[in-house]
C-alpha atoms as a PDB file:
ATOM      1  CA  MET A   1     -18.999 193.006   5.423  1.00  0.00           C
ATOM      2  CA  ALA A   2     -16.512 190.994   7.139  1.00  0.00           C
ATOM      3  CA  PHE A   3     -16.396 188.731   4.084  1.00  0.00           C
ATOM      4  CA  ARG A   4     -15.881 191.648   1.748  1.00  0.00           C
ATOM      5  CA  TYR A   5     -13.277 193.149   3.825  1.00  0.00           C
ATOM      6  CA  VAL A   6     -11.111 190.075   4.366  1.00  0.00           C
ATOM      7  CA  THR A   7     -11.330 189.619   0.641  1.00  0.00           C
ATOM      8  CA  LEU A   8     -10.114 193.073  -0.138  1.00  0.00           C
ATOM      9  CA  PHE A   9      -7.273 193.380   2.718  1.00  0.00           C
ATOM     10  CA  PRO A  10      -6.516 189.718   3.715  1.00  0.00           C
ATOM     11  CA  GLN A  11      -3.017 190.822   4.616  1.00  0.00           C
ATOM     12  CA  ASP A  12      -4.600 192.821   7.485  1.00  0.00           C
ATOM     13  CA  VAL A  13      -6.812 190.331   8.833  1.00  0.00           C
ATOM     14  CA  GLY A  14      -5.809 187.296  10.934  1.00  0.00           C
ATOM     15  CA  ARG A  15      -9.595 186.058  11.954  1.00  0.00           C
ATOM     16  CA  ILE A  16     -13.189 187.080  11.355  1.00  0.00           C
ATOM     17  CA  ILE A  17     -16.460 186.243  13.044  1.00  0.00           C
ATOM     18  CA  SER A  18     -19.286 186.062  10.485  1.00  0.00           C
ATOM     19  CA  VAL A  19     -22.749 186.082  12.020  1.00  0.00           C
ATOM     20  CA  ALA A  20     -26.061 185.584  10.242  1.00  0.00           C
ATOM     21  CA  SER A  21     -24.523 186.347   6.882  1.00  0.00           C
ATOM     22  CA  PRO A  22     -26.751 184.780   4.154  1.00  0.00           C
ATOM     23  CA  GLY A  23     -23.499 183.631   2.382  1.00  0.00           C
ATOM     24  CA  LEU A  24     -20.746 184.671  -0.139  1.00  0.00           C
ATOM     25  CA  LYS A  25     -23.385 184.961  -2.954  1.00  0.00           C
ATOM     26  CA  SER A  26     -26.939 186.103  -2.899  1.00  0.00           C
ATOM     27  CA  PRO A  27     -28.843 182.747  -2.795  1.00  0.00           C
ATOM     28  CA  ALA A  28     -31.273 182.317  -5.440  1.00  0.00           C
ATOM     29  CA  PHE A  29     -34.200 182.143  -3.470  1.00  0.00           C
ATOM     30  CA  ALA A  30     -33.324 185.387  -1.822  1.00  0.00           C
ATOM     31  CA  HIS A  31     -34.015 187.470  -4.931  1.00  0.00           C
ATOM     32  CA  GLU A  32     -37.667 186.900  -4.856  1.00  0.00           C
ATOM     33  CA  LEU A  33     -37.705 186.975  -0.976  1.00  0.00           C
ATOM     34  CA  TRP A  34     -36.475 190.490  -0.886  1.00  0.00           C
ATOM     35  CA  THR A  35     -38.508 191.686  -3.692  1.00  0.00           C
ATOM     36  CA  ARG A  36     -41.455 190.588  -1.943  1.00  0.00           C
ATOM     37  CA  ARG A  37     -40.249 192.384   1.285  1.00  0.00           C
ATOM     38  CA  ILE A  38     -39.897 195.677  -0.898  1.00  0.00           C
ATOM     39  CA  GLU A  39     -43.219 195.407  -2.004  1.00  0.00           C
ATOM     40  CA  GLN A  40     -44.461 195.004   1.453  1.00  0.00           C
ATOM     41  CA  PHE A  41     -42.656 198.006   2.648  1.00  0.00           C
ATOM     42  CA  GLU A  42     -43.910 200.192  -0.061  1.00  0.00           C
ATOM     43  CA  GLN A  43     -47.609 198.914   0.763  1.00  0.00           C
ATOM     44  CA  ASP A  44     -47.023 199.380   4.580  1.00  0.00           C
ATOM     45  CA  LEU A  45     -45.766 203.066   3.490  1.00  0.00           C
ATOM     46  CA  LYS A  46     -49.002 203.673   1.758  1.00  0.00           C
ATOM     47  CA  THR A  47     -51.282 202.347   4.432  1.00  0.00           C
ATOM     48  CA  GLY A  48     -49.486 203.022   7.540  1.00  0.00           C
ATOM     49  CA  ASP A  49     -49.327 199.508   8.562  1.00  0.00           C
ATOM     50  CA  GLU A  50     -46.317 197.898  10.086  1.00  0.00           C
ATOM     51  CA  VAL A  51     -46.557 194.297   8.544  1.00  0.00           C
ATOM     52  CA  LEU A  52     -42.901 194.165   7.380  1.00  0.00           C
ATOM     53  CA  CYS A  53     -41.656 195.555  10.535  1.00  0.00           C
ATOM     54  CA  ARG A  54     -43.336 192.726  12.740  1.00  0.00           C
ATOM     55  CA  GLN A  55     -42.526 189.941  10.099  1.00  0.00           C
ATOM     56  CA  THR A  56     -38.916 191.207  10.231  1.00  0.00           C
ATOM     57  CA  VAL A  57     -38.158 191.616  13.948  1.00  0.00           C
ATOM     58  CA  ALA A  58     -40.291 188.186  14.521  1.00  0.00           C
ATOM     59  CA  ARG A  59     -37.640 186.668  11.836  1.00  0.00           C
ATOM     60  CA  TRP A  60     -34.755 187.999  13.483  1.00  0.00           C
ATOM     61  CA  VAL A  61     -35.627 187.670  17.099  1.00  0.00           C
ATOM     62  CA  PRO A  62     -38.282 184.877  17.132  1.00  0.00           C
ATOM     63  CA  GLY A  63     -40.853 185.495  20.097  1.00  0.00           C
ATOM     64  CA  GLU A  64     -39.816 189.086  20.676  1.00  0.00           C
ATOM     65  CA  ARG A  65     -41.466 192.349  19.430  1.00  0.00           C
ATOM     66  CA  ALA A  66     -40.000 195.914  18.687  1.00  0.00           C
ATOM     67  CA  GLU A  67     -40.371 198.726  16.627  1.00  0.00           C
ATOM     68  CA  ASP A  68     -38.286 199.592  13.228  1.00  0.00           C
ATOM     69  CA  ASP A  69     -37.976 202.978  12.355  1.00  0.00           C
ATOM     70  CA  GLY A  70     -37.052 203.081   8.519  1.00  0.00           C
ATOM     71  CA  GLY A  71     -34.203 202.537   6.255  1.00  0.00           C
ATOM     72  CA  TYR A  72     -35.149 199.216   5.167  1.00  0.00           C
ATOM     73  CA  ARG A  73     -35.274 199.771   1.435  1.00  0.00           C
ATOM     74  CA  VAL A  74     -31.698 201.054   1.446  1.00  0.00           C
ATOM     75  CA  LEU A  75     -30.562 198.027   3.381  1.00  0.00           C
ATOM     76  CA  VAL A  76     -32.247 195.533   1.390  1.00  0.00           C
ATOM     77  CA  GLU A  77     -30.881 196.925  -1.977  1.00  0.00           C
ATOM     78  CA  ALA A  78     -27.323 196.740  -0.430  1.00  0.00           C
ATOM     79  CA  ILE A  79     -27.652 193.015   0.296  1.00  0.00           C
ATOM     80  CA  ARG A  80     -30.044 191.579  -2.269  1.00  0.00           C
ATOM     81  CA  GLY A  81     -27.637 190.744  -4.877  1.00  0.00           C
ATOM     82  CA  TYR A  82     -24.251 190.638  -3.285  1.00  0.00           C
ATOM     83  CA  ASP A  83     -21.404 188.120  -4.962  1.00  0.00           C
ATOM     84  CA  TYR A  84     -18.086 187.194  -3.023  1.00  0.00           C
ATOM     85  CA  GLU A  85     -17.889 183.732  -4.319  1.00  0.00           C
ATOM     86  CA  GLY A  86     -15.013 184.478  -6.525  1.00  0.00           C
ATOM     87  CA  LEU A  87     -13.089 186.201  -3.905  1.00  0.00           C
ATOM     88  CA  VAL A  88     -12.820 183.396  -1.472  1.00  0.00           C
ATOM     89  CA  GLY A  89      -9.540 182.025  -2.679  1.00  0.00           C
ATOM     90  CA  ASP A  90      -8.030 185.234  -2.097  1.00  0.00           C
ATOM     91  CA  MET A  91      -8.655 185.006   1.870  1.00  0.00           C
ATOM     92  CA  GLY A  92      -5.098 183.455   2.379  1.00  0.00           C
ATOM     93  CA  ARG A  93      -4.466 182.669   5.872  1.00  0.00           C
ATOM     94  CA  VAL A  94      -7.528 183.975   7.454  1.00  0.00           C
ATOM     95  CA  ARG A  95      -9.524 182.059   9.971  1.00  0.00           C
ATOM     96  CA  MET A  96     -13.045 182.466   9.915  1.00  0.00           C
ATOM     97  CA  LEU A  97     -15.908 181.297  12.585  1.00  0.00           C
ATOM     98  CA  VAL A  98     -19.327 181.250  10.665  1.00  0.00           C
ATOM     99  CA  VAL A  99     -22.338 181.551  13.101  1.00  0.00           C
ATOM    100  CA  ALA A 100     -26.064 180.973  12.212  1.00  0.00           C
ATOM    101  CA  GLY A 101     -29.007 181.143  14.200  1.00  0.00           C
ATOM    102  CA  GLU A 102     -30.660 177.828  13.820  1.00  0.00           C
ATOM    103  CA  GLU A 103     -34.026 179.478  13.398  1.00  0.00           C
ATOM    104  CA  ASP A 104     -32.846 182.097  11.113  1.00  0.00           C
ATOM    105  CA  GLN A 105     -34.692 182.195   7.578  1.00  0.00           C
ATOM    106  CA  ALA A 106     -32.270 184.517   5.970  1.00  0.00           C
ATOM    107  CA  GLY A 107     -28.903 183.564   7.426  1.00  0.00           C
ATOM    108  CA  ARG A 108     -30.142 179.757   6.707  1.00  0.00           C
ATOM    109  CA  ARG A 109     -28.213 177.160   8.285  1.00  0.00           C
ATOM    110  CA  ASP A 110     -27.725 174.964   5.303  1.00  0.00           C
ATOM    111  CA  VAL A 111     -26.188 178.011   3.341  1.00  0.00           C
ATOM    112  CA  LEU A 112     -23.918 179.021   5.794  1.00  0.00           C
ATOM    113  CA  GLU A 113     -22.484 175.754   6.642  1.00  0.00           C
ATOM    114  CA  SER A 114     -21.863 175.300   2.975  1.00  0.00           C
ATOM    115  CA  VAL A 115     -20.149 178.511   2.801  1.00  0.00           C
ATOM    116  CA  ALA A 116     -17.831 177.332   5.647  1.00  0.00           C
ATOM    117  CA  GLY A 117     -17.095 174.272   3.904  1.00  0.00           C
ATOM    118  CA  LYS A 118     -15.921 176.241   0.985  1.00  0.00           C
ATOM    119  CA  ILE A 119     -13.507 178.273   2.955  1.00  0.00           C
ATOM    120  CA  GLU A 120     -10.155 176.568   4.092  1.00  0.00           C
ATOM    121  CA  GLY A 121     -10.078 176.795   7.913  1.00  0.00           C
ATOM    122  CA  ALA A 122     -13.288 177.830   8.644  1.00  0.00           C
ATOM    123  CA  GLU A 123     -15.284 176.786  11.418  1.00  0.00           C
ATOM    124  CA  PHE A 124     -19.278 176.414  11.440  1.00  0.00           C
ATOM    125  CA  VAL A 125     -21.530 176.791  14.490  1.00  0.00           C
ATOM    126  CA  GLY A 126     -25.110 176.807  14.484  1.00  0.00           C
ATOM    127  CA  MET A 127     -26.720 178.221  17.563  1.00  0.00           C
ATOM    128  CA  GLU A 128     -29.957 176.480  18.688  1.00  0.00           C
ATOM    129  CA  ARG A 129     -33.172 178.594  19.567  1.00  0.00           C
ATOM    130  CA  THR A 130     -32.012 181.561  17.873  1.00  0.00           C
ATOM    131  CA  GLY A 131     -33.010 183.742  14.762  1.00  0.00           C
ATOM    132  CA  HIS A 132     -30.992 186.320  12.841  1.00  0.00           C
ATOM    133  CA  LEU A 133     -29.293 187.771  15.927  1.00  0.00           C
ATOM    134  CA  PRO A 134     -27.630 184.992  18.027  1.00  0.00           C
ATOM    135  CA  PRO A 135     -25.239 187.438  19.928  1.00  0.00           C
ATOM    136  CA  MET A 136     -28.496 189.295  21.256  1.00  0.00           C
ATOM    137  CA  GLN A 137     -30.479 186.180  22.066  1.00  0.00           C
ATOM    138  CA  LYS A 138     -27.810 184.259  23.549  1.00  0.00           C
ATOM    139  CA  PRO A 139     -24.849 186.647  24.577  1.00  0.00           C
ATOM    140  CA  GLY A 140     -23.189 184.096  27.041  1.00  0.00           C
ATOM    141  CA  VAL A 141     -23.154 181.337  24.541  1.00  0.00           C
ATOM    142  CA  PHE A 142     -21.907 183.551  21.846  1.00  0.00           C
ATOM    143  CA  GLY A 143     -19.377 185.220  24.153  1.00  0.00           C
ATOM    144  CA  GLY A 144     -17.876 181.759  24.900  1.00  0.00           C
ATOM    145  CA  LEU A 145     -17.871 180.957  21.295  1.00  0.00           C
ATOM    146  CA  MET A 146     -16.109 184.133  20.397  1.00  0.00           C
ATOM    147  CA  THR A 147     -13.611 184.024  23.161  1.00  0.00           C
ATOM    148  CA  ARG A 148     -12.647 180.425  22.480  1.00  0.00           C
ATOM    149  CA  PHE A 149     -12.164 181.081  18.639  1.00  0.00           C
ATOM    150  CA  LEU A 150     -10.119 184.378  19.157  1.00  0.00           C
ATOM    151  CA  ALA A 151      -7.966 182.590  21.986  1.00  0.00           C
ATOM    152  CA  GLU A 152      -7.076 179.574  19.715  1.00  0.00           C
ATOM    153  CA  GLY A 153      -3.636 179.488  18.130  1.00  0.00           C
END
């Protein structure tokens, strides 16, 4: 959402912090991954199992378990095929901090580091021992990164 907003309204944005974004364009590996996840979601609906829920939570927050109450298909469809690569040149003066959880399989470090390299003035940070939600797993570390980035002139 932050990438999309800044490409549409760069004059209104000075800085953004992107956390666990899969990149500017839906990576090739992601389409099949999301297709399998939709299939598992539909299977879980039929059987009453929670396989996808457990897989998703384990991917987002390694080592933790929680319940997921739905809306998954809508969310997946919204992010499965996005493409903002052509809009990067319109970001102008916006500074960006791109953050990836080192253990995140969706917002992968290699993809996000490449994204940061394509955006003038972007900074990349990989947070160790975190999954898809680094701010939730290490709020102090993330808070320090965010505070430093926003305070820089």
